[in-house]
Amino acid sequence: MATTAVLSRFGASDRAQLAAEAGHMIERLRRHGAVADGGVTRLVYSAEWQAAMAEVEQWLSESGLAVRADAVGSRFGRLQGDSPSVVLSGSHIDSVKQGGAYDGALGVVMAGCAVRWLADNVGRPRRTLEVFANCEEESSRFASNFWGSRAITGRIEPGETEALTDEQGVRIGDAMRACGLDPGAILSARRKDLCAYVEPHIEQGPVLVESGDEIGVVDRVVGVRVLSVTLQGVSGHAGTLPMARRHDALAGAAEIMVGTERLAQRMGAPAVATVGSIAARPGGFNQVPGEAAFTVDFRHPDDQVLASFDQELRELIHDVGRRRGLHARLGQVVDQPSIQFDGEICAALESSCVESGVRWRRMPSHAGHDAQVLGTICAAAMLFMPSQGGHSHRPDERTELEHIGRGIEVLIRTLFGLAYQES
């Protein structure tokens, strides 16, 4: 039987001890994929990723949890409850290229600290608790778009393991095999036992730091659309081809980039748009670019505004192409509608903030997260901790130990309510 659902007193010493443990574990994980200036490059199925996953396995096992891996390589640390229904908490282990040590990894570590504390201080839960170390979320090696959580929700399509390739042409299925994983078993990763998911994460923006709040209760994720754009013009000699006769693909891309920025500025906050990658070919300093390929990422919490942005952007691209004699080819990389998180879990997070005596606010997430995918099969929500300077996806990404400790306490109280108390 589960122990009586009464939370032991959680004091300042608990908070400090857990924060210190979390900070130590972050530094252990930082070694795997360490780059200059304290940053991390830990791409899914790489040697660095494998080492980090082994580190997580060892830590969760030492915490007394039953550890397993699913078919795509995500790890789970299980605290068995009376019911097989699972309350899941955690985040992702992979990173962007030259990113920071806290994005994703801190959520895994906080969940591990919280579940271990509950096991040691409260005992067996009514509902099973699991720590989630997701294999991939960032799409930084493959354009895999939430690979780990899509496996859990059964949304990896047939053929993707052979179609998705990295910059070196390695197929994601072959990368899995190199890690001892079987792409043919992906369907076995699908979960039907989840009742709730709570994802702790750094904010990755400046709102909490500037407001002085310690926790963000995230009630929604904004919609995201990403277009790939390829402009085909005519290459030529940089010295002999007259300006009036040029069909310069890169010049056309530059005009579209400036127009995209103006479009987002005209729509106003919280609209954002980013050209995050661009390549010009042939690429010689003395050659007029005959081809330019780039991406446009645009985000907004209102799906109607997002659709309007999409339409105006496409019109801009085709207008520039027509005037400059360029052929435009567009592809849809991401089309993620906004998602509202579960109101009851958000309310539980708010109550936990009040019990913990921390300053908090409700807020949206402008970045994509696993919770928006897992939230399609179970109740889900997120809590944010401040990112110093609002920095993320860069080596100097950092969250203070004090804020980590506060976040772990809020997470413990929320998981206690979800897993130990009667629904």
Protein backbone atom coordinates (compact mmCIF):
# COMPACT_ATOMS: atom_id res chain seq x y z
CA MET A 1 0.00 0.00 0.00
CA ALA A 2 1.10 3.58 -0.59
CA THR A 3 2.12 5.56 2.45
CA THR A 4 -0.25 8.14 3.90
CA ALA A 5 -0.42 11.13 1.59
CA VAL A 6 1.14 13.67 3.92
CA LEU A 7 4.17 15.61 2.66
CA SER A 8 7.08 15.68 5.07
CA ARG A 9 8.27 19.13 6.08
CA PHE A 10 10.47 20.54 3.35
CA GLY A 11 12.95 23.04 4.71
CA ALA A 12 15.79 25.28 3.62
CA SER A 13 18.32 22.51 4.21
CA ASP A 14 16.45 20.17 1.83
CA ARG A 15 16.33 22.88 -0.78
CA ALA A 16 20.05 23.67 -0.49
CA GLN A 17 21.07 20.00 -0.53
CA LEU A 18 18.99 19.21 -3.60
CA ALA A 19 20.22 22.31 -5.42
CA ALA A 20 23.82 21.32 -4.71
CA GLU A 21 23.18 17.78 -5.95
CA ALA A 22 21.57 19.12 -9.11
CA GLY A 23 24.46 21.50 -9.73
CA HIS A 24 26.95 18.65 -9.30
CA MET A 25 25.05 16.46 -11.74
CA ILE A 26 24.88 19.25 -14.32
CA GLU A 27 28.67 19.52 -14.15
CA ARG A 28 29.01 15.75 -14.58
CA LEU A 29 26.86 15.91 -17.70
CA ARG A 30 28.65 19.02 -19.00
CA ARG A 31 31.78 16.89 -19.58
CA HIS A 32 30.01 14.89 -22.27
CA GLY A 33 30.20 17.09 -25.36
CA ALA A 34 32.11 19.92 -23.67
CA VAL A 35 33.25 22.70 -26.03
CA ALA A 36 35.04 26.01 -25.53
CA ASP A 37 33.74 28.56 -23.02
CA GLY A 38 31.83 25.95 -21.01
CA GLY A 39 29.40 25.10 -23.78
CA VAL A 40 28.07 21.72 -24.88
CA THR A 41 27.53 19.98 -28.20
CA ARG A 42 25.72 16.72 -27.49
CA LEU A 43 23.88 15.48 -30.57
CA VAL A 44 21.57 12.49 -30.49
CA TYR A 45 23.24 9.08 -30.97
CA SER A 46 26.75 10.60 -30.89
CA ALA A 47 29.50 9.25 -28.63
CA GLU A 48 28.95 12.23 -26.32
CA TRP A 49 25.24 11.49 -26.14
CA GLN A 50 25.90 7.84 -25.32
CA ALA A 51 28.26 8.82 -22.51
CA ALA A 52 25.72 11.27 -21.06
CA MET A 53 22.97 8.66 -21.17
CA ALA A 54 25.22 6.18 -19.37
CA GLU A 55 25.88 8.84 -16.72
CA VAL A 56 22.14 9.40 -16.27
CA GLU A 57 21.49 5.66 -16.03
CA GLN A 58 24.10 5.27 -13.31
CA TRP A 59 22.77 8.26 -11.34
CA LEU A 60 19.14 7.12 -11.50
CA SER A 61 20.11 3.58 -10.53
CA GLU A 62 22.14 4.88 -7.56
CA SER A 63 19.00 6.79 -6.55
CA GLY A 64 17.17 3.47 -6.18
CA LEU A 65 15.04 3.75 -9.32
CA ALA A 66 14.46 0.95 -11.82
CA VAL A 67 16.08 2.14 -15.07
CA ARG A 68 15.22 1.13 -18.61
CA ALA A 69 15.67 2.40 -22.17
CA ASP A 70 12.99 2.46 -24.84
CA ALA A 71 13.43 1.68 -28.53
CA VAL A 72 14.73 5.14 -29.47
CA GLY A 73 17.12 5.36 -26.52
CA SER A 74 15.22 7.51 -24.04
CA ARG A 75 15.85 6.52 -20.42
CA PHE A 76 13.29 6.15 -17.65
CA GLY A 77 13.85 5.88 -13.89
CA ARG A 78 10.81 4.25 -12.29
CA LEU A 79 9.45 4.48 -8.74
CA GLN A 80 6.72 1.85 -8.75
CA GLY A 81 3.37 2.82 -7.29
CA ASP A 82 0.18 0.97 -6.42
CA SER A 83 -1.26 1.88 -9.81
CA PRO A 84 0.47 1.28 -13.15
CA SER A 85 -0.73 4.72 -14.25
CA VAL A 86 2.39 6.88 -14.65
CA VAL A 87 3.17 10.46 -13.68
CA LEU A 88 6.17 11.39 -15.84
CA SER A 89 8.64 14.22 -15.29
CA GLY A 90 11.87 15.23 -17.00
CA SER A 91 13.18 16.69 -20.24
CA HIS A 92 15.80 16.04 -22.94
CA ILE A 93 19.51 15.16 -22.87
CA ASP A 94 20.57 16.27 -26.36
CA SER A 95 21.77 19.83 -27.04
CA VAL A 96 22.09 22.27 -29.87
CA LYS A 97 25.52 22.81 -31.40
CA GLN A 98 27.67 24.94 -29.08
CA GLY A 99 24.80 25.29 -26.66
CA GLY A 100 24.68 25.39 -22.88
CA ALA A 101 24.70 22.82 -20.10
CA TYR A 102 21.24 23.60 -18.67
CA ASP A 103 18.80 23.44 -21.58
CA GLY A 104 16.95 20.14 -21.22
CA ALA A 105 19.51 18.48 -18.94
CA LEU A 106 18.46 20.56 -15.93
CA GLY A 107 14.89 19.29 -16.30
CA VAL A 108 16.10 15.69 -16.21
CA VAL A 109 18.25 16.37 -13.16
CA MET A 110 15.49 18.25 -11.30
CA ALA A 111 13.03 15.42 -11.91
CA GLY A 112 15.58 12.87 -10.69
CA CYS A 113 16.23 14.87 -7.52
CA ALA A 114 12.51 15.31 -6.88
CA VAL A 115 11.55 11.66 -7.34
CA ARG A 116 14.45 10.45 -5.20
CA TRP A 117 13.47 12.86 -2.41
CA LEU A 118 9.88 11.64 -2.55
CA ALA A 119 11.01 8.00 -2.46
CA ASP A 120 13.25 8.62 0.55
CA ASN A 121 10.87 10.85 2.50
CA VAL A 122 7.36 9.77 1.55
CA GLY A 123 7.77 6.25 0.19
CA ARG A 124 5.72 4.31 -2.33
CA PRO A 125 3.30 6.46 -4.36
CA ARG A 126 -0.26 5.64 -5.36
CA ARG A 127 0.57 6.29 -9.00
CA THR A 128 3.88 5.25 -10.46
CA LEU A 129 6.46 8.03 -10.86
CA GLU A 130 9.00 8.04 -13.68
CA VAL A 131 11.95 10.29 -14.46
CA PHE A 132 12.23 10.95 -18.20
CA ALA A 133 15.59 11.49 -19.93
CA ASN A 134 14.43 12.09 -23.47
CA CYS A 135 16.80 11.01 -26.25
CA GLU A 136 16.16 13.92 -28.63
CA GLU A 137 14.24 17.18 -28.80
CA GLU A 138 16.48 19.77 -30.45
CA SER A 139 16.59 18.55 -34.10
CA SER A 140 20.22 19.66 -34.04
CA ARG A 141 21.62 16.60 -35.83
CA PHE A 142 18.59 15.32 -37.74
CA ALA A 143 15.43 17.24 -38.65
CA SER A 144 13.67 14.76 -36.41
CA ASN A 145 11.24 17.16 -34.71
CA PHE A 146 10.77 15.78 -31.16
CA TRP A 147 12.02 12.27 -31.96
CA GLY A 148 11.80 10.93 -28.40
CA SER A 149 8.35 12.24 -27.52
CA ARG A 150 7.02 11.36 -30.98
CA ALA A 151 8.10 7.78 -30.32
CA ILE A 152 6.16 7.80 -27.04
CA THR A 153 3.04 9.15 -28.77
CA GLY A 154 3.34 6.78 -31.75
CA ARG A 155 3.93 9.56 -34.28
CA ILE A 156 7.13 8.44 -35.99
CA GLU A 157 6.08 7.61 -39.52
CA PRO A 158 7.19 4.52 -41.47
CA GLY A 159 10.29 5.28 -43.50
CA GLU A 160 11.55 8.15 -41.36
CA THR A 161 14.47 6.12 -40.03
CA GLU A 162 15.84 5.80 -43.56
CA ALA A 163 14.78 9.23 -44.86
CA LEU A 164 16.22 11.47 -42.13
CA THR A 165 19.93 12.16 -42.58
CA ASP A 166 22.48 14.41 -40.89
CA GLU A 167 24.97 16.77 -42.56
CA GLN A 168 27.33 13.87 -43.25
CA GLY A 169 24.59 11.83 -44.90
CA VAL A 170 24.22 9.39 -41.99
CA ARG A 171 20.68 8.06 -41.72
CA ILE A 172 19.05 8.25 -38.32
CA GLY A 173 18.30 4.54 -38.47
CA ASP A 174 22.00 3.77 -38.97
CA ALA A 175 22.90 6.11 -36.10
CA MET A 176 20.48 4.18 -33.90
CA ARG A 177 22.00 0.86 -34.92
CA ALA A 178 25.46 2.18 -34.05
CA CYS A 179 24.14 2.71 -30.49
CA GLY A 180 22.71 -0.80 -30.31
CA LEU A 181 19.12 0.32 -30.96
CA ASP A 182 16.74 -1.39 -33.39
CA PRO A 183 14.80 1.01 -35.67
CA GLY A 184 12.37 -1.79 -36.38
CA ALA A 185 11.25 -1.76 -32.75
CA ILE A 186 10.22 1.91 -32.60
CA LEU A 187 6.52 1.08 -32.27
CA SER A 188 7.27 -0.57 -28.92
CA ALA A 189 8.17 2.86 -27.49
CA ARG A 190 4.54 4.01 -27.65
CA ARG A 191 3.05 4.63 -24.20
CA LYS A 192 -0.58 4.25 -23.14
CA ASP A 193 0.00 4.37 -19.39
CA LEU A 194 0.76 8.08 -18.91
CA CYS A 195 -1.70 10.14 -16.87
CA ALA A 196 0.39 13.30 -16.43
CA TYR A 197 3.62 14.94 -17.55
CA VAL A 198 5.35 17.82 -15.78
CA GLU A 199 8.39 19.28 -17.53
CA PRO A 200 10.83 21.51 -15.63
CA HIS A 201 12.94 23.69 -17.92
CA ILE A 202 14.97 26.87 -18.01
CA GLU A 203 12.98 29.77 -19.42
CA GLN A 204 15.44 30.53 -22.24
CA GLY A 205 14.32 34.16 -22.23
CA PRO A 206 14.46 37.31 -20.06
CA VAL A 207 10.94 37.52 -18.58
CA LEU A 208 11.62 35.93 -15.18
CA VAL A 209 14.98 37.64 -14.70
CA GLU A 210 13.54 41.06 -15.52
CA SER A 211 10.39 40.60 -13.39
CA GLY A 212 12.19 39.11 -10.39
CA ASP A 213 9.89 36.08 -10.39
CA GLU A 214 11.44 32.73 -9.45
CA ILE A 215 9.08 30.34 -11.25
CA GLY A 216 7.10 30.53 -14.46
CA VAL A 217 3.96 28.40 -14.60
CA VAL A 218 3.70 27.68 -18.31
CA ASP A 219 0.11 27.34 -19.51
CA ARG A 220 0.69 27.20 -23.27
CA VAL A 221 3.25 26.90 -26.05
CA VAL A 222 3.08 29.30 -28.96
CA GLY A 223 2.51 28.07 -32.48
CA VAL A 224 5.61 27.59 -34.62
CA ARG A 225 6.04 27.46 -38.37
CA VAL A 226 9.33 26.98 -40.15
CA LEU A 227 9.72 27.35 -43.90
CA SER A 228 12.69 26.26 -45.95
CA VAL A 229 13.27 28.58 -48.91
CA THR A 230 15.48 27.94 -51.92
CA LEU A 231 15.95 30.72 -54.46
CA GLN A 232 17.33 29.72 -57.84
CA GLY A 233 18.97 32.44 -59.92
CA VAL A 234 21.90 32.54 -62.32
CA SER A 235 25.54 32.42 -61.21
CA GLY A 236 28.24 34.32 -63.03
CA HIS A 237 31.52 36.21 -62.83
CA ALA A 238 31.53 38.87 -60.07
CA GLY A 239 33.53 41.25 -62.24
CA THR A 240 32.10 40.85 -65.73
CA LEU A 241 28.36 40.36 -65.16
CA PRO A 242 26.64 43.80 -65.23
CA MET A 243 24.37 44.64 -62.31
CA ALA A 244 21.39 45.19 -64.61
CA ARG A 245 21.65 41.62 -65.92
CA ARG A 246 22.04 39.84 -62.61
CA HIS A 247 19.68 37.31 -61.05
CA ASP A 248 21.52 37.19 -57.72
CA ALA A 249 19.92 34.61 -55.44
CA LEU A 250 21.69 35.84 -52.31
CA ALA A 251 20.64 39.45 -52.90
CA GLY A 252 17.06 38.20 -53.19
CA ALA A 253 17.44 36.24 -49.97
CA ALA A 254 18.75 39.37 -48.22
CA GLU A 255 15.71 41.36 -49.33
CA ILE A 256 13.40 38.63 -48.03
CA MET A 257 15.28 38.49 -44.72
CA VAL A 258 14.88 42.23 -44.15
CA GLY A 259 11.24 42.02 -45.20
CA THR A 260 10.63 39.16 -42.75
CA GLU A 261 12.06 41.23 -39.91
CA ARG A 262 9.88 44.20 -40.85
CA LEU A 263 6.81 41.96 -41.05
CA ALA A 264 7.35 40.68 -37.49
CA GLN A 265 8.01 44.21 -36.22
CA ARG A 266 4.83 45.49 -37.86
CA MET A 267 2.77 42.70 -36.26
CA GLY A 268 4.26 43.60 -32.89
CA ALA A 269 4.99 41.55 -29.77
CA PRO A 270 4.75 38.65 -29.18
CA ALA A 271 5.37 37.91 -32.88
CA VAL A 272 8.95 36.83 -33.60
CA ALA A 273 10.67 35.75 -36.82
CA THR A 274 14.17 34.41 -37.37
CA VAL A 275 16.31 33.43 -40.35
CA GLY A 276 18.48 30.89 -38.57
CA SER A 277 20.44 29.34 -41.42
CA ILE A 278 21.54 30.40 -44.88
CA ALA A 279 23.82 28.98 -47.57
CA ALA A 280 24.86 30.50 -50.92
CA ARG A 281 26.18 28.55 -53.89
CA PRO A 282 28.56 28.21 -55.66
CA GLY A 283 30.15 30.08 -52.74
CA GLY A 284 33.20 31.66 -54.37
CA PHE A 285 34.14 35.22 -53.43
CA ASN A 286 34.30 36.09 -57.14
CA GLN A 287 31.03 34.41 -58.15
CA VAL A 288 27.52 35.81 -58.25
CA PRO A 289 25.42 33.41 -56.15
CA GLY A 290 23.14 31.33 -58.34
CA GLU A 291 21.37 29.70 -55.43
CA ALA A 292 20.50 30.70 -51.88
CA ALA A 293 18.84 28.43 -49.34
CA PHE A 294 17.61 29.60 -45.94
CA THR A 295 15.03 28.95 -43.25
CA VAL A 296 12.43 31.23 -41.69
CA ASP A 297 11.12 30.43 -38.21
CA PHE A 298 8.11 32.44 -37.04
CA ARG A 299 6.07 32.12 -33.84
CA HIS A 300 2.94 33.51 -32.20
CA PRO A 301 0.45 32.25 -29.58
CA ASP A 302 -2.54 33.04 -31.85
CA ASP A 303 -2.87 30.53 -34.70
CA GLN A 304 -4.83 33.03 -36.82
CA VAL A 305 -2.01 35.56 -36.56
CA LEU A 306 0.43 32.78 -37.43
CA ALA A 307 -1.58 31.92 -40.55
CA SER A 308 -1.65 35.59 -41.58
CA PHE A 309 2.13 35.84 -41.12
CA ASP A 310 2.58 32.70 -43.21
CA GLN A 311 0.49 34.12 -46.05
CA GLU A 312 2.24 37.49 -46.08
CA LEU A 313 5.67 35.84 -45.95
CA ARG A 314 4.87 33.62 -48.93
CA GLU A 315 3.61 36.65 -50.87
CA LEU A 316 6.84 38.51 -50.03
CA ILE A 317 8.99 35.61 -51.24
CA HIS A 318 7.15 35.26 -54.52
CA ASP A 319 7.13 39.04 -55.11
CA VAL A 320 10.90 39.25 -54.63
CA GLY A 321 11.41 36.24 -56.84
CA ARG A 322 9.26 37.70 -59.62
CA ARG A 323 10.98 41.10 -59.57
CA ARG A 324 14.50 39.64 -59.49
CA GLY A 325 13.93 36.80 -61.94
CA LEU A 326 14.41 34.10 -59.31
CA HIS A 327 12.60 30.80 -58.94
CA ALA A 328 11.43 30.18 -55.37
CA ARG A 329 10.94 26.71 -53.92
CA LEU A 330 9.32 26.48 -50.48
CA GLY A 331 9.11 23.60 -48.04
CA GLN A 332 7.24 23.24 -44.74
CA VAL A 333 9.73 22.11 -42.07
CA VAL A 334 7.55 22.66 -39.00
CA ASP A 335 3.85 23.39 -38.68
CA GLN A 336 3.13 23.25 -34.96
CA PRO A 337 -0.11 24.87 -33.76
CA SER A 338 -0.22 26.50 -30.36
CA ILE A 339 -1.19 24.22 -27.49
CA GLN A 340 -2.90 24.92 -24.18
CA PHE A 341 -1.61 22.97 -21.20
CA ASP A 342 -3.76 21.23 -18.61
CA GLY A 343 -5.51 23.70 -16.31
CA GLU A 344 -5.47 21.40 -13.27
CA ILE A 345 -1.73 20.81 -13.43
CA CYS A 346 -1.13 24.53 -13.91
CA ALA A 347 -3.28 25.20 -10.82
CA ALA A 348 -1.32 22.53 -8.89
CA LEU A 349 1.95 24.22 -9.86
CA GLU A 350 0.59 27.56 -8.68
CA SER A 351 -0.50 26.06 -5.36
CA SER A 352 2.95 24.53 -4.96
CA CYS A 353 4.52 27.94 -5.58
CA VAL A 354 2.33 29.45 -2.85
CA GLU A 355 3.20 26.62 -0.42
CA SER A 356 6.90 27.10 -1.23
CA GLY A 357 6.74 30.85 -0.76
CA VAL A 358 8.20 31.65 -4.17
CA ARG A 359 7.32 34.47 -6.54
CA TRP A 360 5.71 33.13 -9.70
CA ARG A 361 3.81 34.15 -12.79
CA ARG A 362 1.79 32.49 -15.53
CA MET A 363 3.41 32.72 -18.91
CA PRO A 364 3.56 31.13 -22.36
CA SER A 365 6.58 29.35 -23.79
CA HIS A 366 7.87 30.81 -27.04
CA ALA A 367 10.08 27.76 -27.59
CA GLY A 368 8.93 24.27 -28.47
CA HIS A 369 9.11 21.55 -25.80
CA ASP A 370 8.34 17.87 -25.34
CA ALA A 371 5.35 18.79 -23.18
CA GLN A 372 3.47 20.05 -26.24
CA VAL A 373 3.81 16.61 -27.84
CA LEU A 374 3.17 14.50 -24.74
CA GLY A 375 0.28 16.82 -23.91
CA THR A 376 -1.63 15.25 -26.79
CA ILE A 377 -1.88 11.91 -24.91
CA CYS A 378 -1.97 12.99 -21.25
CA ALA A 379 -2.42 16.02 -19.04
CA ALA A 380 0.74 18.16 -19.21
CA ALA A 381 2.25 21.46 -18.11
CA MET A 382 5.66 23.05 -17.52
CA LEU A 383 7.50 25.13 -14.96
CA PHE A 384 10.28 27.53 -15.89
CA MET A 385 13.32 28.62 -13.88
CA PRO A 386 15.11 31.90 -14.72
CA SER A 387 17.87 31.94 -17.33
CA GLN A 388 20.53 34.42 -16.24
CA GLY A 389 20.65 37.27 -18.74
CA GLY A 390 17.84 35.57 -20.64
CA HIS A 391 20.54 33.47 -22.35
CA SER A 392 20.06 30.03 -23.88
CA HIS A 393 21.39 27.98 -26.79
CA ARG A 394 24.82 29.46 -26.05
CA PRO A 395 27.77 28.47 -23.82
CA ASP A 396 27.08 31.03 -21.06
CA GLU A 397 23.60 29.66 -20.39
CA ARG A 398 23.14 29.46 -16.60
CA THR A 399 20.54 29.12 -13.86
CA GLU A 400 21.41 30.01 -10.26
CA LEU A 401 21.47 27.22 -7.64
CA GLU A 402 18.96 29.15 -5.54
CA HIS A 403 16.45 29.10 -8.38
CA ILE A 404 17.15 25.43 -9.08
CA GLY A 405 16.42 24.62 -5.43
CA ARG A 406 13.18 26.60 -5.53
CA GLY A 407 12.16 24.81 -8.71
CA ILE A 408 12.85 21.37 -7.24
CA GLU A 409 10.71 22.18 -4.22
CA VAL A 410 7.80 23.30 -6.43
CA LEU A 411 8.22 20.15 -8.53
CA ILE A 412 8.28 17.90 -5.44
CA ARG A 413 5.07 19.43 -4.11
CA THR A 414 3.38 19.13 -7.51
CA LEU A 415 4.46 15.51 -8.07
CA PHE A 416 3.35 14.69 -4.53
CA GLY A 417 -0.13 15.95 -5.33
CA LEU A 418 -0.29 14.08 -8.62
CA ALA A 419 1.22 10.76 -7.51
CA TYR A 420 0.50 10.39 -3.79
CA GLN A 421 -2.85 12.04 -3.20
CA GLU A 422 -6.28 10.80 -4.21
CA SER A 423 -7.51 12.30 -7.47
